[in-house]
Amino acid sequence: MKTKQETGCNDLKCALHGKLSARGKIFEGEVISIHNKRIAIKIKRVIYIPKYERYEYKKIKIHAHLPECLKDSIKIGNIVKIQECRPLSKIIHSVVLGKIK
């Protein structure tokens, strides 16, 4: 395993190298925008409506903290894995774990 000096990650809010405890649900979604220290991802969900006996497709947008060690590898359109954590700001309640595609 690489140390903090080898990866160059000094971010305390990194779930992989810092002190942030990631717990809760794990989501996978497409990156739609990248900001300074956060990303926004789009997640597609399928919901069953019993009254009409049909399925409905919904999409939600979630903001996640982007650690320094993953900043260079993630671009718009990539599929990433995020996990819930404690609230980091008003809109950020999850952290990026890694890139899938």
Protein backbone atom coordinates (compact mmCIF):
# COMPACT_ATOMS: atom_id res chain seq x y z
CA MET A 1 0.00 0.00 0.00
CA LYS A 2 1.24 3.47 -0.86
CA THR A 3 1.92 6.00 1.87
CA LYS A 4 0.69 9.59 1.94
CA GLN A 5 4.03 10.87 0.66
CA GLU A 6 3.94 8.56 -2.40
CA THR A 7 0.37 9.47 -3.39
CA GLY A 8 0.68 13.16 -2.57
CA CYS A 9 -2.68 13.18 -0.78
CA ASN A 10 -2.67 15.45 2.26
CA ASP A 11 -6.45 15.86 2.28
CA LEU A 12 -7.94 15.13 5.72
CA LYS A 13 -11.38 14.66 4.11
CA CYS A 14 -10.12 11.78 1.91
CA ALA A 15 -11.82 8.47 2.71
CA LEU A 16 -8.79 6.51 1.48
CA HIS A 17 -5.87 8.40 3.07
CA GLY A 18 -7.41 10.91 5.50
CA LYS A 19 -9.42 10.70 8.68
CA LEU A 20 -12.90 10.82 7.12
CA SER A 21 -15.10 7.85 7.99
CA ALA A 22 -17.21 6.84 4.97
CA ARG A 23 -20.31 4.89 5.99
CA GLY A 24 -23.76 4.32 4.61
CA LYS A 25 -24.97 3.66 1.08
CA ILE A 26 -22.67 3.31 -1.90
CA PHE A 27 -23.75 4.90 -5.20
CA GLU A 28 -22.46 4.72 -8.76
CA GLY A 29 -23.15 7.53 -11.20
CA GLU A 30 -21.94 9.65 -14.08
CA VAL A 31 -19.95 12.83 -13.43
CA ILE A 32 -21.84 15.82 -14.83
CA SER A 33 -19.75 18.69 -13.42
CA ILE A 34 -16.43 19.20 -11.66
CA HIS A 35 -15.79 22.08 -9.27
CA ASN A 36 -12.82 23.02 -7.10
CA LYS A 37 -13.12 20.34 -4.40
CA ARG A 38 -16.37 18.64 -5.34
CA ILE A 39 -18.15 16.90 -8.18
CA ALA A 40 -21.80 16.46 -9.08
CA ILE A 41 -22.97 13.06 -10.27
CA LYS A 42 -26.23 11.93 -11.90
CA ILE A 43 -27.83 8.70 -10.67
CA LYS A 44 -30.64 6.99 -12.55
CA ARG A 45 -33.25 5.11 -10.49
CA VAL A 46 -36.22 2.90 -11.37
CA ILE A 47 -39.30 3.23 -9.14
CA TYR A 48 -42.34 0.95 -9.28
CA ILE A 49 -45.76 2.65 -9.02
CA PRO A 50 -48.28 0.08 -7.72
CA LYS A 51 -51.38 2.10 -8.63
CA TYR A 52 -50.57 2.08 -12.34
CA GLU A 53 -48.52 -1.15 -12.30
CA ARG A 54 -45.77 0.63 -14.19
CA TYR A 55 -42.17 1.64 -13.65
CA GLU A 56 -40.97 5.23 -13.56
CA TYR A 57 -37.43 6.37 -14.31
CA LYS A 58 -36.05 9.15 -12.14
CA LYS A 59 -32.66 10.77 -11.92
CA ILE A 60 -31.11 12.54 -8.95
CA LYS A 61 -28.05 14.75 -8.60
CA ILE A 62 -25.65 14.25 -5.69
CA HIS A 63 -22.65 16.40 -4.77
CA ALA A 64 -19.58 14.63 -3.42
CA HIS A 65 -16.19 15.71 -2.05
CA LEU A 66 -13.34 15.13 -4.51
CA PRO A 67 -10.05 14.24 -2.73
CA GLU A 68 -6.71 15.55 -4.02
CA CYS A 69 -5.47 12.05 -4.92
CA LEU A 70 -8.35 11.49 -7.39
CA LYS A 71 -8.55 15.02 -8.82
CA ASP A 72 -6.42 14.36 -11.93
CA SER A 73 -7.98 11.03 -12.93
CA ILE A 74 -11.69 12.00 -12.90
CA LYS A 75 -13.19 13.80 -15.89
CA ILE A 76 -16.74 14.69 -16.98
CA GLY A 77 -18.57 11.62 -18.26
CA ASN A 78 -16.70 9.10 -16.09
CA ILE A 79 -18.55 6.58 -13.91
CA VAL A 80 -17.49 6.95 -10.26
CA LYS A 81 -18.28 5.27 -6.96
CA ILE A 82 -19.26 7.46 -3.99
CA GLN A 83 -20.27 6.67 -0.42
CA GLU A 84 -22.21 8.57 2.22
CA CYS A 85 -20.33 10.22 5.09
CA ARG A 86 -20.93 12.89 7.69
CA PRO A 87 -22.08 16.29 6.37
CA LEU A 88 -19.05 18.16 5.04
CA SER A 89 -20.94 21.30 4.00
CA LYS A 90 -24.46 22.45 3.19
CA ILE A 91 -24.77 20.28 0.05
CA ILE A 92 -21.91 17.74 0.36
CA HIS A 93 -22.80 14.57 2.26
CA SER A 94 -20.71 12.00 0.41
CA VAL A 95 -17.14 11.35 -0.72
CA VAL A 96 -15.64 9.88 -3.89
CA LEU A 97 -14.11 6.41 -3.44
CA GLY A 98 -12.81 5.79 -6.93
CA LYS A 99 -13.29 5.74 -10.68
CA ILE A 100 -15.04 2.77 -12.30
CA LYS A 101 -14.89 3.70 -16.03
